[in-house]
C-alpha atoms as a PDB file:
ATOM      1  CA  UNK A   1      -0.393   0.029  -0.166  1.00  0.00           C
ATOM      2  CA  UNK A   2       1.191   3.615  -1.140  1.00  0.00           C
ATOM      3  CA  UNK A   3       1.909   5.555   1.745  1.00  0.00           C
ATOM      4  CA  UNK A   4      -0.996   8.253   0.019  1.00  0.00           C
ATOM      5  CA  UNK A   5      -3.482   5.790   0.678  1.00  0.00           C
ATOM      6  CA  UNK A   6      -4.923   6.156   4.047  1.00  0.00           C
ATOM      7  CA  UNK A   7      -7.067   3.474   6.267  1.00  0.00           C
ATOM      8  CA  UNK A   8      -9.922   4.017   7.758  1.00  0.00           C
ATOM      9  CA  UNK A   9      -9.893   3.373  11.250  1.00  0.00           C
ATOM     10  CA  UNK A  10     -12.146   0.702  13.140  1.00  0.00           C
ATOM     11  CA  UNK A  11     -15.790   2.623  14.029  1.00  0.00           C
ATOM     12  CA  UNK A  12     -16.066   0.584  17.869  1.00  0.00           C
ATOM     13  CA  UNK A  13     -20.060   0.013  18.315  1.00  0.00           C
ATOM     14  CA  UNK A  14     -22.080  -0.433  21.480  1.00  0.00           C
ATOM     15  CA  UNK A  15     -25.254  -1.833  20.175  1.00  0.00           C
ATOM     16  CA  UNK A  16     -28.210  -0.860  22.891  1.00  0.00           C
ATOM     17  CA  UNK A  17     -32.095  -1.950  21.586  1.00  0.00           C
ATOM     18  CA  UNK A  18     -34.006  -3.957  24.680  1.00  0.00           C
ATOM     19  CA  UNK A  19     -35.094  -7.020  21.797  1.00  0.00           C
ATOM     20  CA  UNK A  20     -32.099  -9.712  21.708  1.00  0.00           C
ATOM     21  CA  UNK A  21     -32.752 -10.641  18.728  1.00  0.00           C
ATOM     22  CA  UNK A  22     -32.859  -7.113  17.096  1.00  0.00           C
ATOM     23  CA  UNK A  23     -29.661  -7.383  19.099  1.00  0.00           C
ATOM     24  CA  UNK A  24     -27.964 -10.274  17.088  1.00  0.00           C
ATOM     25  CA  UNK A  25     -29.422  -8.850  14.125  1.00  0.00           C
ATOM     26  CA  UNK A  26     -27.544  -5.739  13.792  1.00  0.00           C
ATOM     27  CA  UNK A  27     -24.345  -8.150  15.155  1.00  0.00           C
ATOM     28  CA  UNK A  28     -24.798 -10.576  11.967  1.00  0.00           C
ATOM     29  CA  UNK A  29     -25.063  -7.362   9.386  1.00  0.00           C
ATOM     30  CA  UNK A  30     -22.071  -5.522  11.417  1.00  0.00           C
ATOM     31  CA  UNK A  31     -19.954  -8.783  11.152  1.00  0.00           C
ATOM     32  CA  UNK A  32     -19.703  -8.800   7.434  1.00  0.00           C
ATOM     33  CA  UNK A  33     -17.623  -5.070   7.658  1.00  0.00           C
ATOM     34  CA  UNK A  34     -14.172  -4.822   8.130  1.00  0.00           C
ATOM     35  CA  UNK A  35     -14.933  -1.368   8.883  1.00  0.00           C
ATOM     36  CA  UNK A  36     -17.458  -1.683  12.122  1.00  0.00           C
ATOM     37  CA  UNK A  37     -16.158  -3.879  14.500  1.00  0.00           C
ATOM     38  CA  UNK A  38     -19.324  -4.465  17.659  1.00  0.00           C
ATOM     39  CA  UNK A  39     -17.052  -4.042  21.333  1.00  0.00           C
ATOM     40  CA  UNK A  40     -20.229  -4.325  23.483  1.00  0.00           C
ATOM     41  CA  UNK A  41     -24.295  -4.390  23.303  1.00  0.00           C
ATOM     42  CA  UNK A  42     -26.827  -3.121  25.445  1.00  0.00           C
ATOM     43  CA  UNK A  43     -30.183  -4.591  26.680  1.00  0.00           C
ATOM     44  CA  UNK A  44     -30.888  -1.505  29.053  1.00  0.00           C
ATOM     45  CA  UNK A  45     -29.969   2.494  29.559  1.00  0.00           C
ATOM     46  CA  UNK A  46     -28.053   1.040  32.838  1.00  0.00           C
ATOM     47  CA  UNK A  47     -26.142  -1.894  30.727  1.00  0.00           C
ATOM     48  CA  UNK A  48     -24.747   0.653  28.381  1.00  0.00           C
ATOM     49  CA  UNK A  49     -23.947   3.463  30.435  1.00  0.00           C
ATOM     50  CA  UNK A  50     -22.003   0.231  32.518  1.00  0.00           C
ATOM     51  CA  UNK A  51     -20.467  -0.571  28.666  1.00  0.00           C
ATOM     52  CA  UNK A  52     -19.124   2.515  27.897  1.00  0.00           C
ATOM     53  CA  UNK A  53     -17.552   2.603  30.541  1.00  0.00           C
ATOM     54  CA  UNK A  54     -16.185  -1.262  29.572  1.00  0.00           C
ATOM     55  CA  UNK A  55     -15.620  -1.069  26.340  1.00  0.00           C
ATOM     56  CA  UNK A  56     -14.866   3.037  25.121  1.00  0.00           C
ATOM     57  CA  UNK A  57     -16.944   2.673  22.039  1.00  0.00           C
ATOM     58  CA  UNK A  58     -16.868   4.999  19.106  1.00  0.00           C
ATOM     59  CA  UNK A  59     -20.173   4.809  18.025  1.00  0.00           C
ATOM     60  CA  UNK A  60     -23.608   4.090  19.908  1.00  0.00           C
ATOM     61  CA  UNK A  61     -26.390   3.011  17.181  1.00  0.00           C
ATOM     62  CA  UNK A  62     -29.380   2.412  19.837  1.00  0.00           C
ATOM     63  CA  UNK A  63     -33.493   2.619  19.878  1.00  0.00           C
ATOM     64  CA  UNK A  64     -34.580   5.883  20.362  1.00  0.00           C
ATOM     65  CA  UNK A  65     -36.716   3.651  23.589  1.00  0.00           C
ATOM     66  CA  UNK A  66     -34.731   0.982  25.016  1.00  0.00           C
ATOM     67  CA  UNK A  67     -37.742  -1.451  27.481  1.00  0.00           C
ATOM     68  CA  UNK A  68     -38.840   1.599  29.118  1.00  0.00           C
ATOM     69  CA  UNK A  69     -36.144   3.964  29.568  1.00  0.00           C
ATOM     70  CA  UNK A  70     -35.411   6.252  27.024  1.00  0.00           C
ATOM     71  CA  UNK A  71     -32.567   6.312  24.457  1.00  0.00           C
ATOM     72  CA  UNK A  72     -32.913  10.123  24.079  1.00  0.00           C
ATOM     73  CA  UNK A  73     -31.839  11.042  27.564  1.00  0.00           C
ATOM     74  CA  UNK A  74     -28.992   7.997  26.920  1.00  0.00           C
ATOM     75  CA  UNK A  75     -27.870  10.076  24.095  1.00  0.00           C
ATOM     76  CA  UNK A  76     -27.753  13.322  26.297  1.00  0.00           C
ATOM     77  CA  UNK A  77     -25.748  11.556  28.579  1.00  0.00           C
ATOM     78  CA  UNK A  78     -23.128  10.686  26.255  1.00  0.00           C
ATOM     79  CA  UNK A  79     -23.010  13.670  24.657  1.00  0.00           C
ATOM     80  CA  UNK A  80     -22.035  15.152  27.911  1.00  0.00           C
ATOM     81  CA  UNK A  81     -20.331  12.020  29.308  1.00  0.00           C
ATOM     82  CA  UNK A  82     -18.105  11.427  26.279  1.00  0.00           C
ATOM     83  CA  UNK A  83     -18.839  14.425  23.900  1.00  0.00           C
ATOM     84  CA  UNK A  84     -16.479  11.799  21.305  1.00  0.00           C
ATOM     85  CA  UNK A  85     -18.533  10.005  20.841  1.00  0.00           C
ATOM     86  CA  UNK A  86     -21.281   9.229  18.104  1.00  0.00           C
ATOM     87  CA  UNK A  87     -24.564   8.427  18.241  1.00  0.00           C
ATOM     88  CA  UNK A  88     -26.486   6.723  15.994  1.00  0.00           C
ATOM     89  CA  UNK A  89     -30.336   5.785  16.837  1.00  0.00           C
ATOM     90  CA  UNK A  90     -31.508   2.904  14.461  1.00  0.00           C
ATOM     91  CA  UNK A  91     -35.271   2.415  15.214  1.00  0.00           C
ATOM     92  CA  UNK A  92     -38.827   1.739  13.493  1.00  0.00           C
ATOM     93  CA  UNK A  93     -40.418   4.602  15.415  1.00  0.00           C
ATOM     94  CA  UNK A  94     -40.875   6.531  12.161  1.00  0.00           C
ATOM     95  CA  UNK A  95     -42.026   9.803  14.765  1.00  0.00           C
ATOM     96  CA  UNK A  96     -41.154  13.730  14.164  1.00  0.00           C
ATOM     97  CA  UNK A  97     -41.035  14.622  18.237  1.00  0.00           C
ATOM     98  CA  UNK A  98     -38.972  11.807  18.382  1.00  0.00           C
ATOM     99  CA  UNK A  99     -36.619  12.960  15.693  1.00  0.00           C
ATOM    100  CA  UNK A 100     -36.327  16.373  16.624  1.00  0.00           C
ATOM    101  CA  UNK A 101     -35.720  15.232  19.926  1.00  0.00           C
ATOM    102  CA  UNK A 102     -32.692  13.023  18.994  1.00  0.00           C
ATOM    103  CA  UNK A 103     -31.352  15.992  16.412  1.00  0.00           C
ATOM    104  CA  UNK A 104     -31.483  18.644  19.902  1.00  0.00           C
ATOM    105  CA  UNK A 105     -30.065  15.361  22.495  1.00  0.00           C
ATOM    106  CA  UNK A 106     -26.789  15.129  19.838  1.00  0.00           C
ATOM    107  CA  UNK A 107     -27.455  12.452  18.027  1.00  0.00           C
ATOM    108  CA  UNK A 108     -25.798  12.985  14.610  1.00  0.00           C
ATOM    109  CA  UNK A 109     -27.218  10.193  12.897  1.00  0.00           C
ATOM    110  CA  UNK A 110     -30.918   8.766  12.527  1.00  0.00           C
ATOM    111  CA  UNK A 111     -32.101   5.149  10.128  1.00  0.00           C
ATOM    112  CA  UNK A 112     -34.719   3.587  10.165  1.00  0.00           C
ATOM    113  CA  UNK A 113     -34.785  -0.236  10.966  1.00  0.00           C
ATOM    114  CA  UNK A 114     -36.033  -0.937   7.343  1.00  0.00           C
ATOM    115  CA  UNK A 115     -32.869   0.623   6.294  1.00  0.00           C
ATOM    116  CA  UNK A 116     -30.448  -1.605   4.721  1.00  0.00           C
ATOM    117  CA  UNK A 117     -27.812  -3.816   5.354  1.00  0.00           C
ATOM    118  CA  UNK A 118     -25.471  -1.472   3.397  1.00  0.00           C
ATOM    119  CA  UNK A 119     -27.182   1.798   4.879  1.00  0.00           C
ATOM    120  CA  UNK A 120     -26.876   0.978   8.426  1.00  0.00           C
ATOM    121  CA  UNK A 121     -23.253  -0.246   8.017  1.00  0.00           C
ATOM    122  CA  UNK A 122     -22.413   2.907   5.372  1.00  0.00           C
ATOM    123  CA  UNK A 123     -24.195   5.475   8.257  1.00  0.00           C
ATOM    124  CA  UNK A 124     -22.307   3.624  10.737  1.00  0.00           C
ATOM    125  CA  UNK A 125     -18.779   4.246   8.719  1.00  0.00           C
ATOM    126  CA  UNK A 126     -20.364   8.202   8.423  1.00  0.00           C
ATOM    127  CA  UNK A 127     -21.237   8.875  12.301  1.00  0.00           C
ATOM    128  CA  UNK A 128     -17.524   7.874  13.001  1.00  0.00           C
ATOM    129  CA  UNK A 129     -15.769  10.125  10.712  1.00  0.00           C
ATOM    130  CA  UNK A 130     -17.710  12.823  12.875  1.00  0.00           C
ATOM    131  CA  UNK A 131     -20.196  13.917   9.776  1.00  0.00           C
ATOM    132  CA  UNK A 132     -24.151  13.060  10.337  1.00  0.00           C
ATOM    133  CA  UNK A 133     -26.921  11.038   8.014  1.00  0.00           C
ATOM    134  CA  UNK A 134     -30.723  11.299   8.344  1.00  0.00           C
ATOM    135  CA  UNK A 135     -33.308   8.184   6.411  1.00  0.00           C
ATOM    136  CA  UNK A 136     -34.395   9.691   3.235  1.00  0.00           C
ATOM    137  CA  UNK A 137     -37.434   8.742   3.720  1.00  0.00           C
ATOM    138  CA  UNK A 138     -37.283  11.534   7.242  1.00  0.00           C
ATOM    139  CA  UNK A 139     -35.721  14.312   5.116  1.00  0.00           C
ATOM    140  CA  UNK A 140     -39.607  15.742   4.611  1.00  0.00           C
ATOM    141  CA  UNK A 141     -39.371  16.358   8.527  1.00  0.00           C
ATOM    142  CA  UNK A 142     -36.014  18.523   8.730  1.00  0.00           C
ATOM    143  CA  UNK A 143     -37.511  20.331   6.114  1.00  0.00           C
ATOM    144  CA  UNK A 144     -40.294  21.255   7.085  1.00  0.00           C
ATOM    145  CA  UNK A 145     -39.176  22.073  10.935  1.00  0.00           C
ATOM    146  CA  UNK A 146     -36.987  23.874   9.052  1.00  0.00           C
ATOM    147  CA  UNK A 147     -39.364  26.215   7.389  1.00  0.00           C
ATOM    148  CA  UNK A 148     -41.335  26.369  10.941  1.00  0.00           C
ATOM    149  CA  UNK A 149     -38.219  28.446  12.285  1.00  0.00           C
ATOM    150  CA  UNK A 150     -37.494  30.045   9.404  1.00  0.00           C
ATOM    151  CA  UNK A 151     -41.075  31.595  10.352  1.00  0.00           C
ATOM    152  CA  UNK A 152     -41.240  31.658  13.849  1.00  0.00           C
ATOM    153  CA  UNK A 153     -42.968  28.291  14.730  1.00  0.00           C
ATOM    154  CA  UNK A 154     -42.454  26.212  17.251  1.00  0.00           C
ATOM    155  CA  UNK A 155     -38.845  24.830  18.026  1.00  0.00           C
END
């Protein structure tokens, strides 16, 4: 490999979802990428906070609702206590209020679970690099939100 070719760092991922089936499925998808490594999984926000301390992920992929707990609150905590750790929500919840809350909490990404395996891997790579990603199906919500703000609408 020539010195001008930069190798990508591997994203270290903590997966957070109350469902063991979802966790297993995401792990299976991510195991195929040489740029992503799952370092821990958690089925509750308390377990996620513990795993953050021990596994030091670069990206947390979380459901917006983890059992009875809020993934949004988890995101706020991560952004305050681990500012270099990116948060990507991976959820079934196509809800404009949750999307806004996720953005305001500091999430760098929001993908719907109907996204392709390639989109999930690419989303993790994007947020790991310090950029943001939004599920294309949610763009109308964002455009509407921006328009409301331009007219002095509610934030």
